[in-house]
Amino acid sequence: MDRFFFHLHDRVGLLEDHEGINCATLVEARARAIDTARDVMIGELRKGCLNLAWYILITDERGDVAAQVPFREAVTLSGVTEEQN
């Protein structure tokens, strides 16, 4: 198992993950990032806001970028036209 770190970016600031999570594969790490993004969005929606520009940067133990998961990939939007998006 590899340890992956999930850093939350809002395009201005960074919330670093200093603990990380062991995952068998990068696919599993991406799935966890999507779950994390959804959890963050739930909290934001309870406050009445949502920023789909946020993303989670997944890095490995060396600090190398393994993947980037935009919040937009964690949800399917419906009832919104491209102009409203």
C-alpha atoms as a PDB file:
ATOM      1  CA  MET A   1       0.000   0.000   0.000  1.00  0.00           C
ATOM      2  CA  ASP A   2       1.108   3.501  -0.757  1.00  0.00           C
ATOM      3  CA  ARG A   3       0.420   6.597   1.337  1.00  0.00           C
ATOM      4  CA  PHE A   4      -1.328   9.411  -0.489  1.00  0.00           C
ATOM      5  CA  PHE A   5      -1.938  12.950   0.716  1.00  0.00           C
ATOM      6  CA  PHE A   6      -5.042  14.944  -0.166  1.00  0.00           C
ATOM      7  CA  HIS A   7      -4.411  18.700  -0.280  1.00  0.00           C
ATOM      8  CA  LEU A   8      -7.442  20.965  -0.636  1.00  0.00           C
ATOM      9  CA  HIS A   9      -6.973  23.940  -2.985  1.00  0.00           C
ATOM     10  CA  ASP A  10      -9.415  26.797  -3.428  1.00  0.00           C
ATOM     11  CA  ARG A  11      -7.259  28.433  -6.150  1.00  0.00           C
ATOM     12  CA  VAL A  12      -6.126  31.035  -3.594  1.00  0.00           C
ATOM     13  CA  GLY A  13      -5.051  29.065  -0.541  1.00  0.00           C
ATOM     14  CA  LEU A  14      -4.066  25.555   0.368  1.00  0.00           C
ATOM     15  CA  LEU A  15      -5.128  23.284   3.200  1.00  0.00           C
ATOM     16  CA  GLU A  16      -2.390  20.670   3.439  1.00  0.00           C
ATOM     17  CA  ASP A  17      -2.949  17.070   4.468  1.00  0.00           C
ATOM     18  CA  HIS A  18      -0.056  16.150   6.754  1.00  0.00           C
ATOM     19  CA  GLU A  19      -1.295  12.661   7.677  1.00  0.00           C
ATOM     20  CA  GLY A  20      -2.272  11.013   4.408  1.00  0.00           C
ATOM     21  CA  ILE A  21      -4.126   7.762   3.869  1.00  0.00           C
ATOM     22  CA  ASN A  22      -2.871   4.362   2.764  1.00  0.00           C
ATOM     23  CA  CYS A  23      -4.470   3.247  -0.502  1.00  0.00           C
ATOM     24  CA  ALA A  24      -3.847   0.142  -2.563  1.00  0.00           C
ATOM     25  CA  THR A  25      -3.949   2.038  -5.868  1.00  0.00           C
ATOM     26  CA  LEU A  26      -4.247   5.515  -7.318  1.00  0.00           C
ATOM     27  CA  VAL A  27      -7.780   4.556  -8.402  1.00  0.00           C
ATOM     28  CA  GLU A  28      -8.668   4.015  -4.740  1.00  0.00           C
ATOM     29  CA  ALA A  29      -6.997   7.316  -3.814  1.00  0.00           C
ATOM     30  CA  ARG A  30      -9.068   9.151  -6.473  1.00  0.00           C
ATOM     31  CA  ALA A  31     -12.258   7.551  -5.112  1.00  0.00           C
ATOM     32  CA  ARG A  32     -11.370   8.772  -1.619  1.00  0.00           C
ATOM     33  CA  ALA A  33     -10.677  12.245  -2.999  1.00  0.00           C
ATOM     34  CA  ILE A  34     -14.106  12.305  -4.622  1.00  0.00           C
ATOM     35  CA  ASP A  35     -15.717  11.256  -1.321  1.00  0.00           C
ATOM     36  CA  THR A  36     -13.762  13.984   0.472  1.00  0.00           C
ATOM     37  CA  ALA A  37     -14.791  16.607  -2.082  1.00  0.00           C
ATOM     38  CA  ARG A  38     -18.434  15.622  -1.615  1.00  0.00           C
ATOM     39  CA  ASP A  39     -18.104  15.877   2.169  1.00  0.00           C
ATOM     40  CA  VAL A  40     -16.593  19.354   1.864  1.00  0.00           C
ATOM     41  CA  MET A  41     -19.343  20.410  -0.546  1.00  0.00           C
ATOM     42  CA  ILE A  42     -22.035  19.218   1.880  1.00  0.00           C
ATOM     43  CA  GLY A  43     -20.560  21.447   4.568  1.00  0.00           C
ATOM     44  CA  GLU A  44     -20.378  24.391   2.196  1.00  0.00           C
ATOM     45  CA  LEU A  45     -23.951  23.861   0.990  1.00  0.00           C
ATOM     46  CA  ARG A  46     -25.159  23.939   4.600  1.00  0.00           C
ATOM     47  CA  LYS A  47     -23.640  27.436   4.766  1.00  0.00           C
ATOM     48  CA  GLY A  48     -25.439  28.354   1.542  1.00  0.00           C
ATOM     49  CA  CYS A  49     -22.452  28.458  -0.790  1.00  0.00           C
ATOM     50  CA  LEU A  50     -20.566  26.193  -3.171  1.00  0.00           C
ATOM     51  CA  ASN A  51     -17.307  26.789  -4.998  1.00  0.00           C
ATOM     52  CA  LEU A  52     -16.761  24.324  -7.840  1.00  0.00           C
ATOM     53  CA  ALA A  53     -13.348  25.831  -8.594  1.00  0.00           C
ATOM     54  CA  TRP A  54     -11.884  23.938  -5.630  1.00  0.00           C
ATOM     55  CA  TYR A  55      -9.881  20.785  -6.213  1.00  0.00           C
ATOM     56  CA  ILE A  56      -7.980  18.115  -4.313  1.00  0.00           C
ATOM     57  CA  LEU A  57      -4.362  17.587  -5.220  1.00  0.00           C
ATOM     58  CA  ILE A  58      -3.251  14.031  -4.495  1.00  0.00           C
ATOM     59  CA  THR A  59       0.464  13.608  -3.821  1.00  0.00           C
ATOM     60  CA  ASP A  60       2.556  10.577  -2.986  1.00  0.00           C
ATOM     61  CA  GLU A  61       4.985  10.177  -0.078  1.00  0.00           C
ATOM     62  CA  ARG A  62       7.736  11.982  -2.021  1.00  0.00           C
ATOM     63  CA  GLY A  63       5.445  14.958  -2.607  1.00  0.00           C
ATOM     64  CA  ASP A  64       5.040  14.205  -6.315  1.00  0.00           C
ATOM     65  CA  VAL A  65       1.631  14.991  -7.780  1.00  0.00           C
ATOM     66  CA  ALA A  66      -0.261  11.775  -8.509  1.00  0.00           C
ATOM     67  CA  ALA A  67      -3.607  13.300  -9.546  1.00  0.00           C
ATOM     68  CA  GLN A  68      -5.803  16.357  -9.366  1.00  0.00           C
ATOM     69  CA  VAL A  69      -9.507  15.944  -8.638  1.00  0.00           C
ATOM     70  CA  PRO A  70     -11.647  19.017  -9.359  1.00  0.00           C
ATOM     71  CA  PHE A  71     -14.816  19.321  -7.294  1.00  0.00           C
ATOM     72  CA  ARG A  72     -16.716  19.455 -10.601  1.00  0.00           C
ATOM     73  CA  GLU A  73     -15.769  15.803 -11.187  1.00  0.00           C
ATOM     74  CA  ALA A  74     -17.329  14.780  -7.872  1.00  0.00           C
ATOM     75  CA  VAL A  75     -20.889  15.728  -8.837  1.00  0.00           C
ATOM     76  CA  THR A  76     -23.246  15.664 -11.769  1.00  0.00           C
ATOM     77  CA  LEU A  77     -24.987  18.995 -12.288  1.00  0.00           C
ATOM     78  CA  SER A  78     -28.463  19.069 -13.724  1.00  0.00           C
ATOM     79  CA  GLY A  79     -30.944  21.853 -14.353  1.00  0.00           C
ATOM     80  CA  VAL A  80     -28.107  24.299 -15.062  1.00  0.00           C
ATOM     81  CA  THR A  81     -27.372  25.667 -18.515  1.00  0.00           C
ATOM     82  CA  GLU A  82     -23.792  26.186 -19.626  1.00  0.00           C
ATOM     83  CA  GLU A  83     -24.246  29.994 -19.307  1.00  0.00           C
ATOM     84  CA  GLN A  84     -25.295  29.592 -15.659  1.00  0.00           C
ATOM     85  CA  ASN A  85     -22.458  27.194 -14.951  1.00  0.00           C
END
